[in-house]
Amino acid sequence: MKKFLDAKTAKGWYRTGYVADKPNDKRIYLFCKRVFDVVVSSIFLILIAPVLILCAIAIKLDSPGPVLFVQQRTGLGGHRFKIYKLRTMKQNAEELKLKYAHLNTLTWPDFKIPNDPRITRLGLFFRKTSLDELPQFFNVIKGDMSLVGPRPTSFSSSTYELWHTIRLECKPGITGLWQVSGRNDIDFDDRVRLDVAYMKNMSFWLDLKIMLRTFTAVIRKEGE
């Protein structure tokens, strides 16, 4: 017996596909998920090591500043951790954020500028190809993140409304349901609704479907 995995957003119902209508043993699932995360991330990092080295050299040649962008994010249980990404913005991006605040197209606490002038030429390519996300596999090995889960926010859980906090009951992921939903412009409330839909139907097969959709999106260069 199967059912649709649906999520209600401000723009209407979003139908993601079929999931098995069977209860999961969460403990077994979470254990297998963690083993899968560590094994896949370790193998993947070994394979892409030359790519990371080339990216690091390219960043240093393209613009002044560090290779890595390190930022505090909110994870499981509201725990704050350092997330790693390849730097895609100018070194003074945070200062410029105030200058371009009036161009923000999303509601607080989200922030997004169309054709963001803070992004470097190389950074634009990295975002399109999702190369900037590669260092997050180190976060997965450390245990801060999973391959699949709600996207960790840069703002702390104290900013959340009460119903938002349910997303903190799951380890954040490199990719997730809303990232592959084709709706990157939705606000935080709608993203939480998609996160909750994922959490209510968590399974190994759903994770595989999301990873497959993510791989397809990366190949098509549907990054941010």
N, C-alpha and C. Protein backbone atom coordinates (compact mmCIF):
# COMPACT_ATOMS: atom_id res chain seq x y z
N MET A 1 0.84 -1.19 0.00
CA MET A 1 0.00 0.00 0.00
C MET A 1 0.88 1.24 0.00
N LYS A 2 0.59 2.19 -0.90
CA LYS A 2 1.39 3.41 -0.96
C LYS A 2 0.49 4.63 -0.86
N LYS A 3 1.11 5.76 -0.51
CA LYS A 3 0.37 7.01 -0.43
C LYS A 3 1.25 8.12 -0.97
N PHE A 4 0.63 9.27 -1.27
CA PHE A 4 1.40 10.41 -1.70
C PHE A 4 1.99 11.12 -0.50
N LEU A 5 3.22 11.61 -0.67
CA LEU A 5 3.84 12.47 0.34
C LEU A 5 3.51 13.90 -0.06
N ASP A 6 2.63 14.54 0.70
CA ASP A 6 2.18 15.89 0.38
C ASP A 6 2.65 16.88 1.43
N ALA A 7 2.76 18.14 1.03
CA ALA A 7 3.10 19.20 1.97
C ALA A 7 2.29 20.44 1.62
N LYS A 8 1.66 21.05 2.63
CA LYS A 8 0.84 22.24 2.42
C LYS A 8 1.71 23.48 2.56
N THR A 9 1.75 24.31 1.52
CA THR A 9 2.48 25.57 1.56
C THR A 9 1.52 26.70 1.27
N ALA A 10 2.01 27.93 1.40
CA ALA A 10 1.17 29.10 1.15
C ALA A 10 0.73 29.15 -0.32
N LYS A 11 1.49 28.49 -1.19
CA LYS A 11 1.18 28.49 -2.62
C LYS A 11 0.35 27.26 -3.01
N GLY A 12 -0.11 26.52 -2.03
CA GLY A 12 -0.92 25.35 -2.30
C GLY A 12 -0.24 24.06 -1.89
N TRP A 13 -0.85 22.95 -2.22
CA TRP A 13 -0.29 21.64 -1.87
C TRP A 13 0.82 21.30 -2.84
N TYR A 14 1.87 20.73 -2.28
CA TYR A 14 2.99 20.27 -3.11
C TYR A 14 3.06 18.75 -3.00
N ARG A 15 2.96 18.07 -4.12
CA ARG A 15 2.98 16.60 -4.14
C ARG A 15 4.37 16.14 -4.60
N THR A 16 5.04 15.40 -3.73
CA THR A 16 6.43 15.03 -3.99
C THR A 16 6.58 13.65 -4.60
N GLY A 17 5.60 12.78 -4.43
CA GLY A 17 5.72 11.43 -4.98
C GLY A 17 5.19 10.39 -4.01
N TYR A 18 5.37 9.14 -4.34
CA TYR A 18 4.87 8.05 -3.52
C TYR A 18 5.85 7.66 -2.42
N VAL A 19 5.31 7.29 -1.28
CA VAL A 19 6.11 6.70 -0.20
C VAL A 19 5.34 5.51 0.34
N ALA A 20 6.06 4.57 0.92
CA ALA A 20 5.43 3.37 1.47
C ALA A 20 4.58 3.73 2.68
N ASP A 21 3.39 3.19 2.76
CA ASP A 21 2.48 3.45 3.87
C ASP A 21 2.70 2.41 4.96
N LYS A 22 3.93 2.36 5.47
CA LYS A 22 4.27 1.40 6.52
C LYS A 22 5.05 2.12 7.62
N PRO A 23 4.83 1.75 8.87
CA PRO A 23 5.58 2.39 9.96
C PRO A 23 7.05 2.00 9.88
N ASN A 24 7.93 2.96 10.22
CA ASN A 24 9.37 2.71 10.21
C ASN A 24 9.87 2.45 11.62
N ASP A 25 10.84 1.58 11.73
CA ASP A 25 11.57 1.45 12.98
C ASP A 25 12.66 2.51 12.93
N LYS A 26 12.42 3.63 13.61
CA LYS A 26 13.30 4.79 13.51
C LYS A 26 14.71 4.51 14.00
N ARG A 27 14.82 3.68 15.02
CA ARG A 27 16.16 3.42 15.55
C ARG A 27 17.04 2.70 14.53
N ILE A 28 16.48 1.69 13.89
CA ILE A 28 17.23 0.96 12.86
C ILE A 28 17.52 1.88 11.69
N TYR A 29 16.50 2.65 11.30
CA TYR A 29 16.67 3.58 10.18
C TYR A 29 17.77 4.60 10.46
N LEU A 30 17.75 5.22 11.64
CA LEU A 30 18.74 6.24 11.97
C LEU A 30 20.15 5.66 12.05
N PHE A 31 20.26 4.43 12.56
CA PHE A 31 21.57 3.77 12.61
C PHE A 31 22.09 3.53 11.20
N CYS A 32 21.24 2.97 10.34
CA CYS A 32 21.64 2.70 8.95
C CYS A 32 21.94 3.99 8.21
N LYS A 33 21.16 5.02 8.51
CA LYS A 33 21.36 6.32 7.87
C LYS A 33 22.74 6.88 8.22
N ARG A 34 23.12 6.76 9.51
CA ARG A 34 24.42 7.28 9.95
C ARG A 34 25.57 6.50 9.31
N VAL A 35 25.45 5.18 9.26
CA VAL A 35 26.49 4.36 8.62
C VAL A 35 26.62 4.73 7.15
N PHE A 36 25.48 4.86 6.49
CA PHE A 36 25.47 5.24 5.07
C PHE A 36 26.11 6.60 4.87
N ASP A 37 25.77 7.56 5.73
CA ASP A 37 26.33 8.92 5.64
C ASP A 37 27.86 8.90 5.70
N VAL A 38 28.38 8.19 6.70
CA VAL A 38 29.83 8.17 6.92
C VAL A 38 30.56 7.46 5.78
N VAL A 39 30.05 6.31 5.37
CA VAL A 39 30.70 5.53 4.31
C VAL A 39 30.70 6.30 2.99
N VAL A 40 29.53 6.80 2.60
CA VAL A 40 29.41 7.52 1.33
C VAL A 40 30.24 8.80 1.34
N SER A 41 30.18 9.56 2.43
CA SER A 41 30.92 10.82 2.52
C SER A 41 32.43 10.58 2.48
N SER A 42 32.89 9.55 3.18
CA SER A 42 34.33 9.25 3.21
C SER A 42 34.84 8.87 1.82
N ILE A 43 34.12 7.99 1.15
CA ILE A 43 34.52 7.57 -0.20
C ILE A 43 34.47 8.75 -1.16
N PHE A 44 33.41 9.54 -1.05
CA PHE A 44 33.22 10.68 -1.95
C PHE A 44 34.33 11.71 -1.78
N LEU A 45 34.71 12.01 -0.53
CA LEU A 45 35.77 12.99 -0.28
C LEU A 45 37.11 12.53 -0.83
N ILE A 46 37.38 11.24 -0.75
CA ILE A 46 38.62 10.70 -1.32
C ILE A 46 38.63 10.89 -2.84
N LEU A 47 37.48 10.62 -3.46
CA LEU A 47 37.38 10.72 -4.92
C LEU A 47 37.49 12.16 -5.41
N ILE A 48 36.93 13.10 -4.64
CA ILE A 48 36.91 14.49 -5.11
C ILE A 48 38.05 15.33 -4.56
N ALA A 49 38.98 14.73 -3.85
CA ALA A 49 40.11 15.48 -3.28
C ALA A 49 40.83 16.33 -4.32
N PRO A 50 41.13 15.78 -5.52
CA PRO A 50 41.79 16.62 -6.54
C PRO A 50 40.93 17.81 -6.96
N VAL A 51 39.61 17.62 -7.02
CA VAL A 51 38.70 18.70 -7.38
C VAL A 51 38.74 19.81 -6.33
N LEU A 52 38.73 19.42 -5.06
CA LEU A 52 38.79 20.41 -3.97
C LEU A 52 40.09 21.20 -4.02
N ILE A 53 41.19 20.54 -4.32
CA ILE A 53 42.48 21.23 -4.41
C ILE A 53 42.47 22.25 -5.56
N LEU A 54 41.94 21.85 -6.70
CA LEU A 54 41.85 22.76 -7.85
C LEU A 54 40.93 23.94 -7.54
N CYS A 55 39.83 23.67 -6.86
CA CYS A 55 38.90 24.74 -6.48
C CYS A 55 39.57 25.73 -5.53
N ALA A 56 40.34 25.22 -4.59
CA ALA A 56 41.04 26.07 -3.62
C ALA A 56 42.03 26.99 -4.33
N ILE A 57 42.78 26.44 -5.28
CA ILE A 57 43.74 27.24 -6.04
C ILE A 57 43.01 28.31 -6.85
N ALA A 58 41.89 27.93 -7.47
CA ALA A 58 41.12 28.86 -8.29
C ALA A 58 40.57 30.01 -7.45
N ILE A 59 40.11 29.72 -6.25
CA ILE A 59 39.57 30.76 -5.36
C ILE A 59 40.65 31.77 -5.00
N LYS A 60 41.84 31.28 -4.66
CA LYS A 60 42.94 32.17 -4.28
C LYS A 60 43.37 33.06 -5.45
N LEU A 61 43.29 32.53 -6.67
CA LEU A 61 43.66 33.30 -7.85
C LEU A 61 42.57 34.28 -8.26
N ASP A 62 41.32 33.95 -7.94
CA ASP A 62 40.19 34.76 -8.40
C ASP A 62 39.96 36.01 -7.56
N SER A 63 40.08 35.90 -6.24
CA SER A 63 39.78 37.04 -5.38
C SER A 63 40.49 36.90 -4.04
N PRO A 64 40.80 38.02 -3.37
CA PRO A 64 41.45 37.94 -2.06
C PRO A 64 40.50 37.39 -1.00
N GLY A 65 41.06 36.66 -0.05
CA GLY A 65 40.23 36.11 1.02
C GLY A 65 40.50 34.63 1.23
N PRO A 66 39.90 34.05 2.24
CA PRO A 66 40.10 32.63 2.55
C PRO A 66 39.45 31.71 1.52
N VAL A 67 39.89 30.48 1.48
CA VAL A 67 39.30 29.48 0.58
C VAL A 67 37.93 29.04 1.09
N LEU A 68 37.84 28.83 2.39
CA LEU A 68 36.60 28.33 2.98
C LEU A 68 35.75 29.46 3.56
N PHE A 69 34.46 29.30 3.42
CA PHE A 69 33.50 30.16 4.11
C PHE A 69 32.98 29.35 5.29
N VAL A 70 33.20 29.85 6.49
CA VAL A 70 32.79 29.15 7.71
C VAL A 70 31.73 29.98 8.41
N GLN A 71 30.61 29.35 8.73
CA GLN A 71 29.49 30.08 9.33
C GLN A 71 28.81 29.22 10.38
N GLN A 72 28.29 29.87 11.42
CA GLN A 72 27.53 29.17 12.44
C GLN A 72 26.14 28.83 11.90
N ARG A 73 25.73 27.58 12.05
CA ARG A 73 24.41 27.14 11.63
C ARG A 73 23.72 26.42 12.80
N THR A 74 22.41 26.30 12.69
CA THR A 74 21.62 25.65 13.73
C THR A 74 21.29 24.22 13.31
N GLY A 75 21.62 23.26 14.17
CA GLY A 75 21.42 21.86 13.84
C GLY A 75 20.48 21.15 14.79
N LEU A 76 20.73 19.86 14.98
CA LEU A 76 19.90 18.99 15.80
C LEU A 76 19.77 19.55 17.22
N GLY A 77 18.53 19.68 17.69
CA GLY A 77 18.27 20.15 19.04
C GLY A 77 18.62 21.61 19.26
N GLY A 78 18.80 22.37 18.18
CA GLY A 78 19.16 23.78 18.31
C GLY A 78 20.65 24.01 18.51
N HIS A 79 21.43 22.92 18.46
CA HIS A 79 22.88 23.02 18.64
C HIS A 79 23.51 23.80 17.50
N ARG A 80 24.38 24.76 17.84
CA ARG A 80 25.07 25.56 16.84
C ARG A 80 26.38 24.89 16.44
N PHE A 81 26.65 24.84 15.16
CA PHE A 81 27.88 24.22 14.67
C PHE A 81 28.43 25.04 13.50
N LYS A 82 29.69 24.79 13.17
CA LYS A 82 30.34 25.49 12.06
C LYS A 82 30.16 24.69 10.78
N ILE A 83 29.56 25.34 9.78
CA ILE A 83 29.38 24.70 8.49
C ILE A 83 30.49 25.18 7.54
N TYR A 84 30.94 24.29 6.67
CA TYR A 84 32.04 24.62 5.76
C TYR A 84 31.54 24.64 4.31
N LYS A 85 31.90 25.71 3.60
CA LYS A 85 31.59 25.83 2.18
C LYS A 85 32.77 26.48 1.48
N LEU A 86 32.90 26.27 0.20
CA LEU A 86 33.89 27.02 -0.57
C LEU A 86 33.39 28.45 -0.69
N ARG A 87 34.28 29.41 -0.50
CA ARG A 87 33.87 30.82 -0.51
C ARG A 87 33.43 31.22 -1.92
N THR A 88 32.24 31.81 -2.01
CA THR A 88 31.70 32.26 -3.29
C THR A 88 31.46 33.76 -3.33
N MET A 89 31.68 34.43 -2.20
CA MET A 89 31.43 35.87 -2.13
C MET A 89 32.71 36.65 -1.86
N LYS A 90 32.61 37.96 -2.06
CA LYS A 90 33.73 38.84 -1.76
C LYS A 90 34.03 38.80 -0.26
N GLN A 91 35.25 39.17 0.09
CA GLN A 91 35.70 39.05 1.47
C GLN A 91 34.86 39.90 2.43
N ASN A 92 34.35 41.04 1.96
CA ASN A 92 33.56 41.94 2.81
C ASN A 92 32.06 41.78 2.57
N ALA A 93 31.63 40.56 2.28
CA ALA A 93 30.23 40.30 1.93
C ALA A 93 29.26 40.71 3.03
N GLU A 94 29.62 40.46 4.29
CA GLU A 94 28.73 40.80 5.40
C GLU A 94 28.53 42.30 5.52
N GLU A 95 29.58 43.08 5.27
CA GLU A 95 29.46 44.53 5.31
C GLU A 95 28.57 45.01 4.16
N LEU A 96 28.73 44.42 3.00
CA LEU A 96 27.93 44.80 1.83
C LEU A 96 26.47 44.38 1.98
N LYS A 97 26.21 43.42 2.86
CA LYS A 97 24.83 42.96 3.08
C LYS A 97 23.94 44.11 3.53
N LEU A 98 24.45 44.97 4.39
CA LEU A 98 23.69 46.14 4.85
C LEU A 98 23.44 47.10 3.70
N LYS A 99 24.42 47.26 2.84
CA LYS A 99 24.31 48.18 1.71
C LYS A 99 23.21 47.75 0.75
N TYR A 100 23.07 46.44 0.56
CA TYR A 100 22.11 45.93 -0.41
C TYR A 100 20.85 45.35 0.24
N ALA A 101 20.64 45.65 1.51
CA ALA A 101 19.50 45.09 2.24
C ALA A 101 18.16 45.42 1.58
N HIS A 102 18.08 46.59 0.95
CA HIS A 102 16.82 47.01 0.32
C HIS A 102 16.46 46.17 -0.90
N LEU A 103 17.41 45.38 -1.39
CA LEU A 103 17.16 44.52 -2.55
C LEU A 103 16.69 43.12 -2.17
N ASN A 104 16.62 42.85 -0.88
CA ASN A 104 16.21 41.53 -0.40
C ASN A 104 14.79 41.19 -0.88
N THR A 105 14.63 40.02 -1.48
CA THR A 105 13.33 39.62 -2.02
C THR A 105 12.56 38.68 -1.10
N LEU A 106 13.18 38.26 0.01
CA LEU A 106 12.54 37.34 0.94
C LEU A 106 12.21 38.05 2.25
N THR A 107 11.31 37.46 3.02
CA THR A 107 10.94 38.03 4.31
C THR A 107 11.96 37.63 5.37
N TRP A 108 12.16 38.51 6.37
CA TRP A 108 13.08 38.22 7.46
C TRP A 108 12.65 36.92 8.16
N PRO A 109 13.57 36.06 8.58
CA PRO A 109 15.03 36.23 8.64
C PRO A 109 15.79 35.78 7.39
N ASP A 110 15.07 35.41 6.32
CA ASP A 110 15.75 35.00 5.09
C ASP A 110 16.32 36.21 4.37
N PHE A 111 17.33 35.98 3.57
CA PHE A 111 17.96 37.07 2.82
C PHE A 111 18.43 36.54 1.47
N LYS A 112 17.92 37.15 0.40
CA LYS A 112 18.33 36.75 -0.94
C LYS A 112 18.21 37.93 -1.89
N ILE A 113 19.28 38.18 -2.64
CA ILE A 113 19.30 39.27 -3.61
C ILE A 113 19.43 38.68 -5.01
N PRO A 114 18.53 39.03 -5.93
CA PRO A 114 18.68 38.56 -7.31
C PRO A 114 19.98 39.11 -7.90
N ASN A 115 20.72 38.27 -8.59
CA ASN A 115 22.00 38.68 -9.19
C ASN A 115 22.89 39.37 -8.15
N ASP A 116 23.03 38.73 -7.02
CA ASP A 116 23.76 39.28 -5.87
C ASP A 116 25.15 39.79 -6.28
N PRO A 117 25.39 41.11 -6.15
CA PRO A 117 26.68 41.69 -6.56
C PRO A 117 27.84 41.27 -5.66
N ARG A 118 27.55 40.64 -4.53
CA ARG A 118 28.61 40.21 -3.62
C ARG A 118 29.27 38.91 -4.07
N ILE A 119 28.61 38.21 -4.98
CA ILE A 119 29.13 36.92 -5.46
C ILE A 119 30.23 37.14 -6.49
N THR A 120 31.33 36.45 -6.34
CA THR A 120 32.44 36.56 -7.29
C THR A 120 32.12 35.82 -8.59
N ARG A 121 32.94 36.08 -9.61
CA ARG A 121 32.72 35.40 -10.90
C ARG A 121 32.83 33.88 -10.74
N LEU A 122 33.87 33.47 -10.02
CA LEU A 122 34.07 32.04 -9.78
C LEU A 122 32.97 31.50 -8.87
N GLY A 123 32.56 32.31 -7.90
CA GLY A 123 31.52 31.90 -6.97
C GLY A 123 30.21 31.60 -7.66
N LEU A 124 29.91 32.36 -8.70
CA LEU A 124 28.68 32.14 -9.47
C LEU A 124 28.71 30.76 -10.12
N PHE A 125 29.86 30.38 -10.65
CA PHE A 125 30.02 29.05 -11.26
C PHE A 125 29.92 27.96 -10.20
N PHE A 126 30.55 28.18 -9.05
CA PHE A 126 30.49 27.20 -7.97
C PHE A 126 29.05 26.96 -7.52
N ARG A 127 28.27 28.03 -7.41
CA ARG A 127 26.88 27.89 -6.96
C ARG A 127 26.03 27.18 -8.00
N LYS A 128 26.25 27.49 -9.26
CA LYS A 128 25.50 26.85 -10.33
C LYS A 128 25.75 25.35 -10.38
N THR A 129 26.98 24.97 -10.09
CA THR A 129 27.37 23.56 -10.15
C THR A 129 27.35 22.88 -8.79
N SER A 130 27.03 23.65 -7.74
CA SER A 130 26.99 23.16 -6.35
C SER A 130 28.36 22.72 -5.83
N LEU A 131 29.42 23.16 -6.47
CA LEU A 131 30.76 22.82 -6.00
C LEU A 131 31.05 23.43 -4.63
N ASP A 132 30.40 24.56 -4.35
CA ASP A 132 30.63 25.23 -3.06
C ASP A 132 30.15 24.40 -1.87
N GLU A 133 29.28 23.43 -2.13
CA GLU A 133 28.72 22.62 -1.05
C GLU A 133 29.62 21.43 -0.67
N LEU A 134 30.62 21.13 -1.47
CA LEU A 134 31.43 19.92 -1.26
C LEU A 134 32.06 19.79 0.13
N PRO A 135 32.59 20.88 0.73
CA PRO A 135 33.19 20.73 2.06
C PRO A 135 32.21 20.28 3.15
N GLN A 136 30.91 20.36 2.87
CA GLN A 136 29.94 19.95 3.88
C GLN A 136 29.95 18.44 4.13
N PHE A 137 30.60 17.69 3.25
CA PHE A 137 30.74 16.26 3.51
C PHE A 137 31.63 16.02 4.74
N PHE A 138 32.50 16.99 5.05
CA PHE A 138 33.27 16.92 6.30
C PHE A 138 32.33 17.09 7.50
N ASN A 139 31.32 17.97 7.36
CA ASN A 139 30.32 18.15 8.41
C ASN A 139 29.54 16.86 8.65
N VAL A 140 29.28 16.12 7.56
CA VAL A 140 28.56 14.85 7.68
C VAL A 140 29.39 13.84 8.47
N ILE A 141 30.67 13.74 8.14
CA ILE A 141 31.54 12.80 8.84
C ILE A 141 31.67 13.18 10.31
N LYS A 142 31.75 14.48 10.60
CA LYS A 142 31.85 14.95 11.99
C LYS A 142 30.59 14.63 12.79
N GLY A 143 29.46 14.48 12.09
CA GLY A 143 28.21 14.18 12.78
C GLY A 143 27.31 15.38 12.95
N ASP A 144 27.73 16.54 12.44
CA ASP A 144 26.90 17.74 12.53
C ASP A 144 25.71 17.66 11.58
N MET A 145 25.92 16.97 10.44
CA MET A 145 24.92 16.94 9.39
C MET A 145 24.74 15.52 8.86
N SER A 146 23.70 15.37 8.05
CA SER A 146 23.44 14.12 7.34
C SER A 146 23.44 14.45 5.85
N LEU A 147 23.42 13.43 5.01
CA LEU A 147 23.32 13.69 3.57
C LEU A 147 21.96 14.28 3.23
N VAL A 148 20.91 13.80 3.90
CA VAL A 148 19.55 14.27 3.64
C VAL A 148 18.91 14.73 4.94
N GLY A 149 18.27 15.89 4.90
CA GLY A 149 17.60 16.43 6.08
C GLY A 149 17.24 17.88 5.86
N PRO A 150 16.61 18.52 6.83
CA PRO A 150 16.28 19.95 6.72
C PRO A 150 17.55 20.78 6.57
N ARG A 151 17.49 21.82 5.77
CA ARG A 151 18.67 22.67 5.58
C ARG A 151 18.94 23.46 6.86
N PRO A 152 20.20 23.45 7.38
CA PRO A 152 20.49 24.19 8.61
C PRO A 152 20.43 25.69 8.38
N THR A 153 19.80 26.41 9.29
CA THR A 153 19.66 27.86 9.14
C THR A 153 20.85 28.59 9.75
N SER A 154 21.13 29.78 9.23
CA SER A 154 22.21 30.60 9.78
C SER A 154 21.76 31.31 11.05
N PHE A 155 20.45 31.52 11.18
CA PHE A 155 19.93 32.17 12.38
C PHE A 155 19.63 31.12 13.45
N SER A 156 19.71 31.52 14.71
CA SER A 156 19.57 30.58 15.82
C SER A 156 18.11 30.18 16.04
N SER A 157 17.92 29.13 16.82
CA SER A 157 16.57 28.62 17.08
C SER A 157 15.74 29.60 17.89
N SER A 158 16.37 30.59 18.54
CA SER A 158 15.62 31.59 19.30
C SER A 158 14.78 32.46 18.37
N THR A 159 15.13 32.45 17.08
CA THR A 159 14.38 33.20 16.08
C THR A 159 13.14 32.44 15.63
N TYR A 160 13.12 31.12 15.84
CA TYR A 160 12.04 30.27 15.37
C TYR A 160 10.73 30.55 16.12
N GLU A 161 9.62 30.39 15.39
CA GLU A 161 8.34 30.30 16.06
C GLU A 161 8.23 28.89 16.63
N LEU A 162 7.30 28.69 17.57
CA LEU A 162 7.21 27.41 18.26
C LEU A 162 7.05 26.24 17.30
N TRP A 163 6.20 26.37 16.29
CA TRP A 163 5.95 25.24 15.39
C TRP A 163 7.14 24.97 14.46
N HIS A 164 8.04 25.96 14.32
CA HIS A 164 9.24 25.76 13.51
C HIS A 164 10.20 24.76 14.14
N THR A 165 10.15 24.67 15.47
CA THR A 165 11.17 23.91 16.21
C THR A 165 11.12 22.41 15.93
N ILE A 166 10.05 21.92 15.31
CA ILE A 166 9.97 20.49 15.00
C ILE A 166 11.10 20.08 14.05
N ARG A 167 11.56 21.03 13.21
CA ARG A 167 12.64 20.69 12.27
C ARG A 167 13.97 20.47 12.98
N LEU A 168 14.05 20.88 14.26
CA LEU A 168 15.27 20.69 15.04
C LEU A 168 15.36 19.28 15.61
N GLU A 169 14.30 18.48 15.42
CA GLU A 169 14.30 17.10 15.91
C GLU A 169 14.98 16.15 14.93
N CYS A 170 15.47 16.70 13.84
CA CYS A 170 16.12 15.90 12.80
C CYS A 170 17.47 16.54 12.47
N LYS A 171 18.47 15.71 12.26
CA LYS A 171 19.80 16.23 11.89
C LYS A 171 19.71 16.93 10.54
N PRO A 172 20.27 18.13 10.40
CA PRO A 172 20.20 18.85 9.12
C PRO A 172 20.96 18.13 8.02
N GLY A 173 20.61 18.42 6.78
CA GLY A 173 21.22 17.71 5.66
C GLY A 173 21.84 18.62 4.61
N ILE A 174 22.70 18.03 3.78
CA ILE A 174 23.27 18.76 2.65
C ILE A 174 22.17 19.05 1.64
N THR A 175 21.28 18.09 1.46
CA THR A 175 20.12 18.28 0.60
C THR A 175 18.87 17.83 1.34
N GLY A 176 17.72 18.18 0.80
CA GLY A 176 16.47 17.83 1.46
C GLY A 176 15.29 17.96 0.52
N LEU A 177 14.11 17.79 1.08
CA LEU A 177 12.90 17.77 0.26
C LEU A 177 12.65 19.08 -0.46
N TRP A 178 12.78 20.21 0.26
CA TRP A 178 12.45 21.47 -0.40
C TRP A 178 13.49 21.87 -1.44
N GLN A 179 14.75 21.41 -1.26
CA GLN A 179 15.77 21.74 -2.25
C GLN A 179 15.49 21.10 -3.60
N VAL A 180 14.82 19.95 -3.60
CA VAL A 180 14.54 19.25 -4.85
C VAL A 180 13.08 19.42 -5.28
N SER A 181 12.37 20.33 -4.62
CA SER A 181 10.96 20.53 -4.93
C SER A 181 10.74 21.46 -6.11
N GLY A 182 11.83 22.12 -6.55
CA GLY A 182 11.69 23.07 -7.65
C GLY A 182 11.15 24.41 -7.19
N ARG A 183 11.16 24.64 -5.88
CA ARG A 183 10.63 25.88 -5.33
C ARG A 183 11.67 26.55 -4.43
N ASN A 184 12.74 27.04 -5.01
CA ASN A 184 13.80 27.66 -4.24
C ASN A 184 13.44 29.05 -3.74
N ASP A 185 12.33 29.60 -4.25
CA ASP A 185 11.96 30.96 -3.87
C ASP A 185 10.93 31.00 -2.74
N ILE A 186 10.58 29.87 -2.15
CA ILE A 186 9.57 29.86 -1.10
C ILE A 186 10.15 30.38 0.20
N ASP A 187 9.27 30.91 1.06
CA ASP A 187 9.74 31.49 2.31
C ASP A 187 10.01 30.41 3.36
N PHE A 188 10.50 30.85 4.52
CA PHE A 188 10.92 29.90 5.55
C PHE A 188 9.77 29.04 6.06
N ASP A 189 8.59 29.64 6.24
CA ASP A 189 7.43 28.88 6.71
C ASP A 189 7.12 27.71 5.79
N ASP A 190 7.14 27.96 4.49
CA ASP A 190 6.84 26.89 3.53
C ASP A 190 7.95 25.84 3.49
N ARG A 191 9.18 26.28 3.69
CA ARG A 191 10.28 25.31 3.74
C ARG A 191 10.13 24.40 4.96
N VAL A 192 9.70 24.99 6.07
CA VAL A 192 9.49 24.18 7.28
C VAL A 192 8.38 23.16 7.03
N ARG A 193 7.34 23.55 6.32
CA ARG A 193 6.24 22.62 6.03
C ARG A 193 6.75 21.43 5.20
N LEU A 194 7.63 21.70 4.26
CA LEU A 194 8.22 20.61 3.48
C LEU A 194 9.15 19.76 4.34
N ASP A 195 9.88 20.41 5.25
CA ASP A 195 10.75 19.67 6.17
C ASP A 195 9.92 18.74 7.06
N VAL A 196 8.79 19.24 7.54
CA VAL A 196 7.92 18.44 8.40
C VAL A 196 7.36 17.25 7.62
N ALA A 197 6.99 17.49 6.36
CA ALA A 197 6.48 16.40 5.52
C ALA A 197 7.54 15.31 5.37
N TYR A 198 8.79 15.73 5.21
CA TYR A 198 9.88 14.76 5.11
C TYR A 198 10.05 13.99 6.41
N MET A 199 10.04 14.71 7.53
CA MET A 199 10.27 14.07 8.83
C MET A 199 9.18 13.07 9.19
N LYS A 200 7.96 13.34 8.76
CA LYS A 200 6.85 12.43 9.05
C LYS A 200 6.93 11.15 8.22
N ASN A 201 7.69 11.21 7.14
CA ASN A 201 7.76 10.06 6.23
C ASN A 201 9.19 9.58 5.99
N MET A 202 10.08 9.87 6.94
CA MET A 202 11.49 9.51 6.78
C MET A 202 11.66 8.02 6.52
N SER A 203 12.43 7.71 5.50
CA SER A 203 12.76 6.32 5.20
C SER A 203 14.01 6.30 4.33
N PHE A 204 14.66 5.17 4.28
CA PHE A 204 15.87 5.04 3.47
C PHE A 204 15.55 5.25 2.00
N TRP A 205 14.39 4.76 1.56
CA TRP A 205 14.02 4.89 0.16
C TRP A 205 13.71 6.33 -0.20
N LEU A 206 13.07 7.06 0.71
CA LEU A 206 12.80 8.47 0.45
C LEU A 206 14.12 9.25 0.36
N ASP A 207 15.07 8.92 1.24
CA ASP A 207 16.39 9.56 1.19
C ASP A 207 17.06 9.31 -0.16
N LEU A 208 16.97 8.08 -0.65
CA LEU A 208 17.58 7.75 -1.94
C LEU A 208 16.92 8.53 -3.08
N LYS A 209 15.60 8.68 -3.01
CA LYS A 209 14.88 9.44 -4.04
C LYS A 209 15.33 10.89 -4.04
N ILE A 210 15.47 11.47 -2.85
CA ILE A 210 15.90 12.86 -2.74
C ILE A 210 17.32 13.03 -3.26
N MET A 211 18.21 12.08 -2.93
CA MET A 211 19.59 12.16 -3.41
C MET A 211 19.66 12.02 -4.93
N LEU A 212 18.80 11.16 -5.48
CA LEU A 212 18.76 10.99 -6.93
C LEU A 212 18.28 12.27 -7.61
N ARG A 213 17.25 12.90 -7.03
CA ARG A 213 16.76 14.16 -7.58
C ARG A 213 17.81 15.25 -7.46
N THR A 214 18.56 15.23 -6.37
CA THR A 214 19.62 16.21 -6.17
C THR A 214 20.70 16.05 -7.23
N PHE A 215 21.11 14.80 -7.46
CA PHE A 215 22.12 14.51 -8.48
C PHE A 215 21.66 14.99 -9.85
N THR A 216 20.39 14.76 -10.17
CA THR A 216 19.84 15.20 -11.45
C THR A 216 19.86 16.72 -11.55
N ALA A 217 19.49 17.41 -10.46
CA ALA A 217 19.48 18.87 -10.45
C ALA A 217 20.88 19.44 -10.62
N VAL A 218 21.87 18.80 -9.99
CA VAL A 218 23.26 19.26 -10.11
C VAL A 218 23.76 19.10 -11.54
N ILE A 219 23.44 17.97 -12.16
CA ILE A 219 23.84 17.72 -13.55
C ILE A 219 23.23 18.77 -14.47
N ARG A 220 22.00 19.17 -14.16
CA ARG A 220 21.32 20.18 -14.98
C ARG A 220 21.70 21.60 -14.58
N LYS A 221 22.59 21.71 -13.59
CA LYS A 221 23.06 23.01 -13.08
C LYS A 221 21.90 23.87 -12.60
N GLU A 222 21.09 23.27 -11.72
CA GLU A 222 19.95 24.00 -11.16
C GLU A 222 20.28 24.53 -9.78
N GLY A 223 21.56 24.77 -9.51
CA GLY A 223 21.97 25.30 -8.20
C GLY A 223 21.49 26.70 -7.99
N GLU A 224 21.78 27.22 -6.79
CA GLU A 224 21.30 28.55 -6.41
C GLU A 224 21.93 29.62 -7.28
